[in-house]
């Protein structure tokens, strides 16, 4: 088993401390570090030899978005065209 180190130490060793801890945590959450880091309590631990990988997975649409609204809906079109106030005054 390889030794795991904290994200900030990995950042210092790999990138010279170039990235903020918030960026590193986002990478860990989103699967942009391979091999995948492990969350221990509130801290992320990563393999010394881990590398950043671009994640090409599609964005997730939130479950509370109503996908039944048609793109031709006048309210949607007015919002997209920036004329929502005009529509609400009618």
PDB file of N, CA and C in Angstrom:
ATOM      1  N   UNK A   1       0.844  -1.179   0.000  1.00  0.00           N
ATOM      2  CA  UNK A   1       0.000   0.000   0.000  1.00  0.00           C
ATOM      3  C   UNK A   1       0.888   1.241   0.000  1.00  0.00           C
ATOM      4  N   UNK A   2       0.555   2.180  -0.850  1.00  0.00           N
ATOM      5  CA  UNK A   2       1.350   3.397  -0.937  1.00  0.00           C
ATOM      6  C   UNK A   2       0.921   4.395   0.138  1.00  0.00           C
ATOM      7  N   UNK A   3       1.836   5.261   0.493  1.00  0.00           N
ATOM      8  CA  UNK A   3       1.555   6.258   1.518  1.00  0.00           C
ATOM      9  C   UNK A   3       0.655   7.347   0.950  1.00  0.00           C
ATOM     10  N   UNK A   4      -0.336   7.718   1.725  1.00  0.00           N
ATOM     11  CA  UNK A   4      -1.231   8.791   1.328  1.00  0.00           C
ATOM     12  C   UNK A   4      -0.823  10.069   2.045  1.00  0.00           C
ATOM     13  N   UNK A   5      -0.936  11.190   1.331  1.00  0.00           N
ATOM     14  CA  UNK A   5      -0.566  12.475   1.912  1.00  0.00           C
ATOM     15  C   UNK A   5      -1.742  13.440   1.762  1.00  0.00           C
ATOM     16  N   UNK A   6      -1.807  14.484   2.580  1.00  0.00           N
ATOM     17  CA  UNK A   6      -2.884  15.476   2.453  1.00  0.00           C
ATOM     18  C   UNK A   6      -2.807  16.221   1.121  1.00  0.00           C
ATOM     19  N   UNK A   7      -3.946  16.742   0.681  1.00  0.00           N
ATOM     20  CA  UNK A   7      -4.011  17.457  -0.590  1.00  0.00           C
ATOM     21  C   UNK A   7      -3.044  18.629  -0.661  1.00  0.00           C
ATOM     22  N   UNK A   8      -2.930  19.390   0.421  1.00  0.00           N
ATOM     23  CA  UNK A   8      -2.058  20.563   0.373  1.00  0.00           C
ATOM     24  C   UNK A   8      -0.592  20.169   0.211  1.00  0.00           C
ATOM     25  N   UNK A   9      -0.208  19.060   0.812  1.00  0.00           N
ATOM     26  CA  UNK A   9       1.168  18.583   0.656  1.00  0.00           C
ATOM     27  C   UNK A   9       1.392  18.065  -0.764  1.00  0.00           C
ATOM     28  N   UNK A  10       0.408  17.360  -1.315  1.00  0.00           N
ATOM     29  CA  UNK A  10       0.475  16.888  -2.694  1.00  0.00           C
ATOM     30  C   UNK A  10       0.601  18.065  -3.660  1.00  0.00           C
ATOM     31  N   UNK A  11      -0.183  19.121  -3.401  1.00  0.00           N
ATOM     32  CA  UNK A  11      -0.126  20.331  -4.211  1.00  0.00           C
ATOM     33  C   UNK A  11       1.273  20.954  -4.161  1.00  0.00           C
ATOM     34  N   UNK A  12       1.852  21.015  -2.970  1.00  0.00           N
ATOM     35  CA  UNK A  12       3.191  21.593  -2.820  1.00  0.00           C
ATOM     36  C   UNK A  12       4.236  20.755  -3.551  1.00  0.00           C
ATOM     37  N   UNK A  13       4.143  19.436  -3.443  1.00  0.00           N
ATOM     38  CA  UNK A  13       5.117  18.545  -4.087  1.00  0.00           C
ATOM     39  C   UNK A  13       4.960  18.505  -5.606  1.00  0.00           C
ATOM     40  N   UNK A  14       3.712  18.480  -6.074  1.00  0.00           N
ATOM     41  CA  UNK A  14       3.448  18.285  -7.494  1.00  0.00           C
ATOM     42  C   UNK A  14       3.416  19.594  -8.277  1.00  0.00           C
ATOM     43  N   UNK A  15       2.786  20.611  -7.705  1.00  0.00           N
ATOM     44  CA  UNK A  15       2.569  21.859  -8.425  1.00  0.00           C
ATOM     45  C   UNK A  15       3.216  23.072  -7.767  1.00  0.00           C
ATOM     46  N   UNK A  16       4.010  22.866  -6.750  1.00  0.00           N
ATOM     47  CA  UNK A  16       4.668  23.981  -6.088  1.00  0.00           C
ATOM     48  C   UNK A  16       3.717  24.883  -5.326  1.00  0.00           C
ATOM     49  N   UNK A  17       2.578  24.343  -4.882  1.00  0.00           N
ATOM     50  CA  UNK A  17       1.605  25.125  -4.119  1.00  0.00           C
ATOM     51  C   UNK A  17       0.800  26.081  -4.972  1.00  0.00           C
ATOM     52  N   UNK A  18       0.691  25.806  -6.261  1.00  0.00           N
ATOM     53  CA  UNK A  18       0.053  26.705  -7.218  1.00  0.00           C
ATOM     54  C   UNK A  18      -1.462  26.851  -7.021  1.00  0.00           C
ATOM     55  N   UNK A  19      -2.134  25.806  -6.536  1.00  0.00           N
ATOM     56  CA  UNK A  19      -3.596  25.792  -6.477  1.00  0.00           C
ATOM     57  C   UNK A  19      -4.100  25.967  -5.050  1.00  0.00           C
ATOM     58  N   UNK A  20      -5.281  26.582  -4.923  1.00  0.00           N
ATOM     59  CA  UNK A  20      -5.881  26.786  -3.601  1.00  0.00           C
ATOM     60  C   UNK A  20      -6.469  25.476  -3.086  1.00  0.00           C
ATOM     61  N   UNK A  21      -6.656  25.406  -1.790  1.00  0.00           N
ATOM     62  CA  UNK A  21      -7.217  24.194  -1.184  1.00  0.00           C
ATOM     63  C   UNK A  21      -8.647  23.956  -1.672  1.00  0.00           C
ATOM     64  N   UNK A  22      -9.387  25.029  -1.962  1.00  0.00           N
ATOM     65  CA  UNK A  22     -10.750  24.863  -2.477  1.00  0.00           C
ATOM     66  C   UNK A  22     -10.742  24.216  -3.859  1.00  0.00           C
ATOM     67  N   UNK A  23      -9.796  24.599  -4.699  1.00  0.00           N
ATOM     68  CA  UNK A  23      -9.665  23.981  -6.015  1.00  0.00           C
ATOM     69  C   UNK A  23      -9.315  22.505  -5.876  1.00  0.00           C
ATOM     70  N   UNK A  24      -8.391  22.208  -4.989  1.00  0.00           N
ATOM     71  CA  UNK A  24      -7.983  20.813  -4.781  1.00  0.00           C
ATOM     72  C   UNK A  24      -9.138  19.963  -4.274  1.00  0.00           C
ATOM     73  N   UNK A  25      -9.912  20.509  -3.357  1.00  0.00           N
ATOM     74  CA  UNK A  25     -11.079  19.766  -2.841  1.00  0.00           C
ATOM     75  C   UNK A  25     -12.097  19.530  -3.941  1.00  0.00           C
ATOM     76  N   UNK A  26     -12.314  20.519  -4.810  1.00  0.00           N
ATOM     77  CA  UNK A  26     -13.236  20.345  -5.935  1.00  0.00           C
ATOM     78  C   UNK A  26     -12.736  19.256  -6.872  1.00  0.00           C
ATOM     79  N   UNK A  27     -11.423  19.236  -7.134  1.00  0.00           N
ATOM     80  CA  UNK A  27     -10.858  18.175  -7.965  1.00  0.00           C
ATOM     81  C   UNK A  27     -11.110  16.811  -7.342  1.00  0.00           C
ATOM     82  N   UNK A  28     -10.918  16.715  -6.032  1.00  0.00           N
ATOM     83  CA  UNK A  28     -11.114  15.438  -5.345  1.00  0.00           C
ATOM     84  C   UNK A  28     -12.572  14.996  -5.428  1.00  0.00           C
ATOM     85  N   UNK A  29     -13.495  15.925  -5.190  1.00  0.00           N
ATOM     86  CA  UNK A  29     -14.928  15.604  -5.242  1.00  0.00           C
ATOM     87  C   UNK A  29     -15.372  15.203  -6.634  1.00  0.00           C
ATOM     88  N   UNK A  30     -14.846  15.881  -7.654  1.00  0.00           N
ATOM     89  CA  UNK A  30     -15.313  15.687  -9.026  1.00  0.00           C
ATOM     90  C   UNK A  30     -14.588  14.587  -9.786  1.00  0.00           C
ATOM     91  N   UNK A  31     -13.654  13.919  -9.142  1.00  0.00           N
ATOM     92  CA  UNK A  31     -12.959  12.811  -9.800  1.00  0.00           C
ATOM     93  C   UNK A  31     -11.862  13.251 -10.754  1.00  0.00           C
ATOM     94  N   UNK A  32     -11.248  14.410 -10.499  1.00  0.00           N
ATOM     95  CA  UNK A  32     -10.195  14.911 -11.374  1.00  0.00           C
ATOM     96  C   UNK A  32      -8.797  14.492 -10.930  1.00  0.00           C
ATOM     97  N   UNK A  33      -8.680  13.644  -9.940  1.00  0.00           N
ATOM     98  CA  UNK A  33      -7.377  13.166  -9.477  1.00  0.00           C
ATOM     99  C   UNK A  33      -7.377  11.644  -9.576  1.00  0.00           C
ATOM    100  N   UNK A  34      -6.325  11.101 -10.209  1.00  0.00           N
ATOM    101  CA  UNK A  34      -6.220   9.649 -10.341  1.00  0.00           C
ATOM    102  C   UNK A  34      -4.862   9.209  -9.810  1.00  0.00           C
ATOM    103  N   UNK A  35      -4.814   8.166  -9.025  1.00  0.00           N
ATOM    104  CA  UNK A  35      -5.927   7.415  -8.457  1.00  0.00           C
ATOM    105  C   UNK A  35      -6.737   8.273  -7.497  1.00  0.00           C
ATOM    106  N   UNK A  36      -7.991   7.907  -7.339  1.00  0.00           N
ATOM    107  CA  UNK A  36      -8.941   8.702  -6.579  1.00  0.00           C
ATOM    108  C   UNK A  36      -8.489   8.906  -5.133  1.00  0.00           C
ATOM    109  N   UNK A  37      -8.583  10.139  -4.644  1.00  0.00           N
ATOM    110  CA  UNK A  37      -8.255  10.419  -3.238  1.00  0.00           C
ATOM    111  C   UNK A  37      -9.281   9.788  -2.302  1.00  0.00           C
ATOM    112  N   UNK A  38      -8.904   9.648  -1.062  1.00  0.00           N
ATOM    113  CA  UNK A  38      -9.809   9.111  -0.039  1.00  0.00           C
ATOM    114  C   UNK A  38     -10.138  10.219   0.949  1.00  0.00           C
ATOM    115  N   UNK A  39     -11.406  10.324   1.311  1.00  0.00           N
ATOM    116  CA  UNK A  39     -11.801  11.312   2.298  1.00  0.00           C
ATOM    117  C   UNK A  39     -11.764  10.650   3.666  1.00  0.00           C
ATOM    118  N   UNK A  40     -10.997  11.225   4.565  1.00  0.00           N
ATOM    119  CA  UNK A  40     -10.869  10.720   5.926  1.00  0.00           C
ATOM    120  C   UNK A  40     -11.310  11.855   6.840  1.00  0.00           C
ATOM    121  N   UNK A  41     -12.500  11.701   7.402  1.00  0.00           N
ATOM    122  CA  UNK A  41     -13.062  12.789   8.206  1.00  0.00           C
ATOM    123  C   UNK A  41     -13.354  13.968   7.298  1.00  0.00           C
ATOM    124  N   UNK A  42     -12.740  15.113   7.590  1.00  0.00           N
ATOM    125  CA  UNK A  42     -12.917  16.300   6.764  1.00  0.00           C
ATOM    126  C   UNK A  42     -11.775  16.504   5.776  1.00  0.00           C
ATOM    127  N   UNK A  43     -10.780  15.650   5.808  1.00  0.00           N
ATOM    128  CA  UNK A  43      -9.584  15.813   4.993  1.00  0.00           C
ATOM    129  C   UNK A  43      -9.543  14.816   3.842  1.00  0.00           C
ATOM    130  N   UNK A  44      -8.924  15.242   2.759  1.00  0.00           N
ATOM    131  CA  UNK A  44      -8.693  14.376   1.616  1.00  0.00           C
ATOM    132  C   UNK A  44      -7.247  13.920   1.638  1.00  0.00           C
ATOM    133  N   UNK A  45      -7.031  12.618   1.446  1.00  0.00           N
ATOM    134  CA  UNK A  45      -5.695  12.050   1.350  1.00  0.00           C
ATOM    135  C   UNK A  45      -5.518  11.468  -0.049  1.00  0.00           C
ATOM    136  N   UNK A  46      -4.341  11.734  -0.625  1.00  0.00           N
ATOM    137  CA  UNK A  46      -4.091  11.352  -2.009  1.00  0.00           C
ATOM    138  C   UNK A  46      -2.747  10.633  -2.115  1.00  0.00           C
ATOM    139  N   UNK A  47      -2.636   9.758  -3.083  1.00  0.00           N
ATOM    140  CA  UNK A  47      -1.384   9.048  -3.358  1.00  0.00           C
ATOM    141  C   UNK A  47      -0.326  10.050  -3.808  1.00  0.00           C
ATOM    142  N   UNK A  48       0.910   9.830  -3.378  1.00  0.00           N
ATOM    143  CA  UNK A  48       2.011  10.738  -3.748  1.00  0.00           C
ATOM    144  C   UNK A  48       2.173  10.862  -5.261  1.00  0.00           C
ATOM    145  N   UNK A  49       1.925   9.787  -5.977  1.00  0.00           N
ATOM    146  CA  UNK A  49       2.128   9.757  -7.428  1.00  0.00           C
ATOM    147  C   UNK A  49       0.863  10.120  -8.206  1.00  0.00           C
ATOM    148  N   UNK A  50      -0.165  10.593  -7.539  1.00  0.00           N
ATOM    149  CA  UNK A  50      -1.423  10.924  -8.206  1.00  0.00           C
ATOM    150  C   UNK A  50      -1.228  12.073  -9.182  1.00  0.00           C
ATOM    151  N   UNK A  51      -2.063  12.101 -10.195  1.00  0.00           N
ATOM    152  CA  UNK A  51      -2.013  13.132 -11.231  1.00  0.00           C
ATOM    153  C   UNK A  51      -3.404  13.708 -11.455  1.00  0.00           C
ATOM    154  N   UNK A  52      -3.432  14.954 -11.921  1.00  0.00           N
ATOM    155  CA  UNK A  52      -4.687  15.585 -12.331  1.00  0.00           C
ATOM    156  C   UNK A  52      -5.113  14.976 -13.658  1.00  0.00           C
ATOM    157  N   UNK A  53      -6.391  14.651 -13.777  1.00  0.00           N
ATOM    158  CA  UNK A  53      -6.941  14.151 -15.033  1.00  0.00           C
ATOM    159  C   UNK A  53      -8.162  14.978 -15.390  1.00  0.00           C
ATOM    160  N   UNK A  54      -8.268  15.293 -16.671  1.00  0.00           N
ATOM    161  CA  UNK A  54      -9.436  16.040 -17.131  1.00  0.00           C
ATOM    162  C   UNK A  54     -10.630  15.109 -17.109  1.00  0.00           C
ATOM    163  N   UNK A  55     -11.723  15.592 -16.570  1.00  0.00           N
ATOM    164  CA  UNK A  55     -12.924  14.792 -16.442  1.00  0.00           C
ATOM    165  C   UNK A  55     -13.888  15.187 -17.555  1.00  0.00           C
ATOM    166  N   UNK A  56     -14.180  14.274 -18.459  1.00  0.00           N
ATOM    167  CA  UNK A  56     -15.034  14.571 -19.603  1.00  0.00           C
ATOM    168  C   UNK A  56     -16.471  14.099 -19.424  1.00  0.00           C
ATOM    169  N   UNK A  57     -16.845  13.813 -18.186  1.00  0.00           N
ATOM    170  CA  UNK A  57     -18.226  13.361 -17.998  1.00  0.00           C
ATOM    171  C   UNK A  57     -19.175  14.556 -18.153  1.00  0.00           C
ATOM    172  N   UNK A  58     -20.393  14.323 -18.656  1.00  0.00           N
ATOM    173  CA  UNK A  58     -21.325  15.424 -18.871  1.00  0.00           C
ATOM    174  C   UNK A  58     -21.828  16.001 -17.547  1.00  0.00           C
ATOM    175  N   UNK A  59     -22.234  17.251 -17.597  1.00  0.00           N
ATOM    176  CA  UNK A  59     -22.787  17.897 -16.407  1.00  0.00           C
ATOM    177  C   UNK A  59     -24.109  17.251 -16.046  1.00  0.00           C
ATOM    178  N   UNK A  60     -24.398  17.220 -14.757  1.00  0.00           N
ATOM    179  CA  UNK A  60     -25.656  16.656 -14.292  1.00  0.00           C
ATOM    180  C   UNK A  60     -26.717  17.743 -14.243  1.00  0.00           C
ATOM    181  N   UNK A  61     -27.925  17.419 -14.705  1.00  0.00           N
ATOM    182  CA  UNK A  61     -29.048  18.338 -14.600  1.00  0.00           C
ATOM    183  C   UNK A  61     -29.707  18.079 -13.252  1.00  0.00           C
ATOM    184  N   UNK A  62     -29.906  19.110 -12.434  1.00  0.00           N
ATOM    185  CA  UNK A  62     -30.525  18.909 -11.127  1.00  0.00           C
ATOM    186  C   UNK A  62     -31.890  18.244 -11.262  1.00  0.00           C
ATOM    187  N   UNK A  63     -32.249  17.444 -10.270  1.00  0.00           N
ATOM    188  CA  UNK A  63     -33.496  16.684 -10.339  1.00  0.00           C
ATOM    189  C   UNK A  63     -34.729  17.571 -10.215  1.00  0.00           C
ATOM    190  N   UNK A  64     -34.573  18.814  -9.751  1.00  0.00           N
ATOM    191  CA  UNK A  64     -35.738  19.679  -9.585  1.00  0.00           C
ATOM    192  C   UNK A  64     -36.005  20.556 -10.811  1.00  0.00           C
ATOM    193  N   UNK A  65     -35.320  20.327 -11.926  1.00  0.00           N
ATOM    194  CA  UNK A  65     -35.544  21.087 -13.139  1.00  0.00           C
ATOM    195  C   UNK A  65     -36.698  20.456 -13.906  1.00  0.00           C
ATOM    196  N   UNK A  66     -37.682  21.286 -14.268  1.00  0.00           N
ATOM    197  CA  UNK A  66     -38.839  20.805 -15.015  1.00  0.00           C
ATOM    198  C   UNK A  66     -38.479  20.762 -16.492  1.00  0.00           C
ATOM    199  N   UNK A  67     -38.230  19.568 -17.001  1.00  0.00           N
ATOM    200  CA  UNK A  67     -37.812  19.405 -18.387  1.00  0.00           C
ATOM    201  C   UNK A  67     -39.002  19.412 -19.354  1.00  0.00           C
ATOM    202  N   UNK A  68     -40.226  19.540 -18.840  1.00  0.00           N
ATOM    203  CA  UNK A  68     -41.395  19.513 -19.709  1.00  0.00           C
ATOM    204  C   UNK A  68     -41.693  20.880 -20.316  1.00  0.00           C
ATOM    205  N   UNK A  69     -40.981  21.925 -19.906  1.00  0.00           N
ATOM    206  CA  UNK A  69     -41.197  23.253 -20.469  1.00  0.00           C
ATOM    207  C   UNK A  69     -40.592  23.286 -21.859  1.00  0.00           C
ATOM    208  N   UNK A  70     -41.414  23.623 -22.824  1.00  0.00           N
ATOM    209  CA  UNK A  70     -40.951  23.678 -24.209  1.00  0.00           C
ATOM    210  C   UNK A  70     -40.138  24.945 -24.446  1.00  0.00           C
ATOM    211  N   UNK A  71     -39.215  24.884 -25.361  1.00  0.00           N
ATOM    212  CA  UNK A  71     -38.397  26.050 -25.686  1.00  0.00           C
ATOM    213  C   UNK A  71     -39.211  27.138 -26.365  1.00  0.00           C
ATOM    214  N   UNK A  72     -40.421  26.791 -26.841  1.00  0.00           N
ATOM    215  CA  UNK A  72     -41.275  27.785 -27.481  1.00  0.00           C
ATOM    216  C   UNK A  72     -42.252  28.420 -26.495  1.00  0.00           C
ATOM    217  N   UNK A  73     -42.175  28.057 -25.240  1.00  0.00           N
ATOM    218  CA  UNK A  73     -43.010  28.659 -24.207  1.00  0.00           C
ATOM    219  C   UNK A  73     -42.715  30.160 -24.176  1.00  0.00           C
ATOM    220  N   UNK A  74     -43.740  31.021 -24.224  1.00  0.00           N
ATOM    221  CA  UNK A  74     -43.500  32.465 -24.285  1.00  0.00           C
ATOM    222  C   UNK A  74     -42.727  33.008 -23.082  1.00  0.00           C
ATOM    223  N   UNK A  75     -42.924  32.425 -21.917  1.00  0.00           N
ATOM    224  CA  UNK A  75     -42.196  32.884 -20.743  1.00  0.00           C
ATOM    225  C   UNK A  75     -40.716  32.549 -20.886  1.00  0.00           C
ATOM    226  N   UNK A  76     -40.410  31.339 -21.343  1.00  0.00           N
ATOM    227  CA  UNK A  76     -39.022  30.932 -21.535  1.00  0.00           C
ATOM    228  C   UNK A  76     -38.361  31.805 -22.600  1.00  0.00           C
ATOM    229  N   UNK A  77     -39.055  32.029 -23.698  1.00  0.00           N
ATOM    230  CA  UNK A  77     -38.498  32.860 -24.762  1.00  0.00           C
ATOM    231  C   UNK A  77     -38.279  34.291 -24.295  1.00  0.00           C
ATOM    232  N   UNK A  78     -39.201  34.816 -23.482  1.00  0.00           N
ATOM    233  CA  UNK A  78     -39.033  36.185 -22.999  1.00  0.00           C
ATOM    234  C   UNK A  78     -37.842  36.295 -22.055  1.00  0.00           C
ATOM    235  N   UNK A  79     -37.625  35.276 -21.242  1.00  0.00           N
ATOM    236  CA  UNK A  79     -36.462  35.282 -20.351  1.00  0.00           C
ATOM    237  C   UNK A  79     -35.185  35.220 -21.171  1.00  0.00           C
ATOM    238  N   UNK A  80     -35.165  34.349 -22.160  1.00  0.00           N
ATOM    239  CA  UNK A  80     -33.978  34.226 -22.998  1.00  0.00           C
ATOM    240  C   UNK A  80     -33.701  35.500 -23.788  1.00  0.00           C
ATOM    241  N   UNK A  81     -34.759  36.206 -24.169  1.00  0.00           N
ATOM    242  CA  UNK A  81     -34.600  37.437 -24.929  1.00  0.00           C
ATOM    243  C   UNK A  81     -34.440  38.658 -24.031  1.00  0.00           C
ATOM    244  N   UNK A  82     -34.540  38.481 -22.719  1.00  0.00           N
ATOM    245  CA  UNK A  82     -34.370  39.600 -21.796  1.00  0.00           C
ATOM    246  C   UNK A  82     -35.576  40.506 -21.715  1.00  0.00           C
ATOM    247  N   UNK A  83     -36.746  40.036 -22.147  1.00  0.00           N
ATOM    248  CA  UNK A  83     -37.935  40.887 -22.132  1.00  0.00           C
ATOM    249  C   UNK A  83     -38.993  40.354 -21.171  1.00  0.00           C
ATOM    250  N   UNK A  84     -38.578  39.772 -20.079  1.00  0.00           N
ATOM    251  CA  UNK A  84     -39.522  39.193 -19.130  1.00  0.00           C
ATOM    252  C   UNK A  84     -40.395  40.266 -18.494  1.00  0.00           C
ATOM    253  N   UNK A  85     -39.821  41.424 -18.194  1.00  0.00           N
ATOM    254  CA  UNK A  85     -40.587  42.497 -17.564  1.00  0.00           C
ATOM    255  C   UNK A  85     -41.713  42.953 -18.476  1.00  0.00           C
ATOM    256  N   UNK A  86     -41.446  43.012 -19.784  1.00  0.00           N
ATOM    257  CA  UNK A  86     -42.483  43.409 -20.737  1.00  0.00           C
ATOM    258  C   UNK A  86     -43.619  42.410 -20.717  1.00  0.00           C
ATOM    259  N   UNK A  87     -43.303  41.110 -20.638  1.00  0.00           N
ATOM    260  CA  UNK A  87     -44.307  40.066 -20.641  1.00  0.00           C
ATOM    261  C   UNK A  87     -45.151  40.120 -19.381  1.00  0.00           C
ATOM    262  N   UNK A  88     -44.539  40.383 -18.231  1.00  0.00           N
ATOM    263  CA  UNK A  88     -45.261  40.428 -16.965  1.00  0.00           C
ATOM    264  C   UNK A  88     -46.170  41.634 -16.882  1.00  0.00           C
ATOM    265  N   UNK A  89     -45.873  42.730 -17.581  1.00  0.00           N
ATOM    266  CA  UNK A  89     -46.714  43.928 -17.558  1.00  0.00           C
ATOM    267  C   UNK A  89     -47.973  43.750 -18.367  1.00  0.00           C
ATOM    268  N   UNK A  90     -48.001  42.812 -19.281  1.00  0.00           N
ATOM    269  CA  UNK A  90     -49.174  42.604 -20.147  1.00  0.00           C
ATOM    270  C   UNK A  90     -50.339  42.046 -19.378  1.00  0.00           C
TER     271      UNK A  90
END
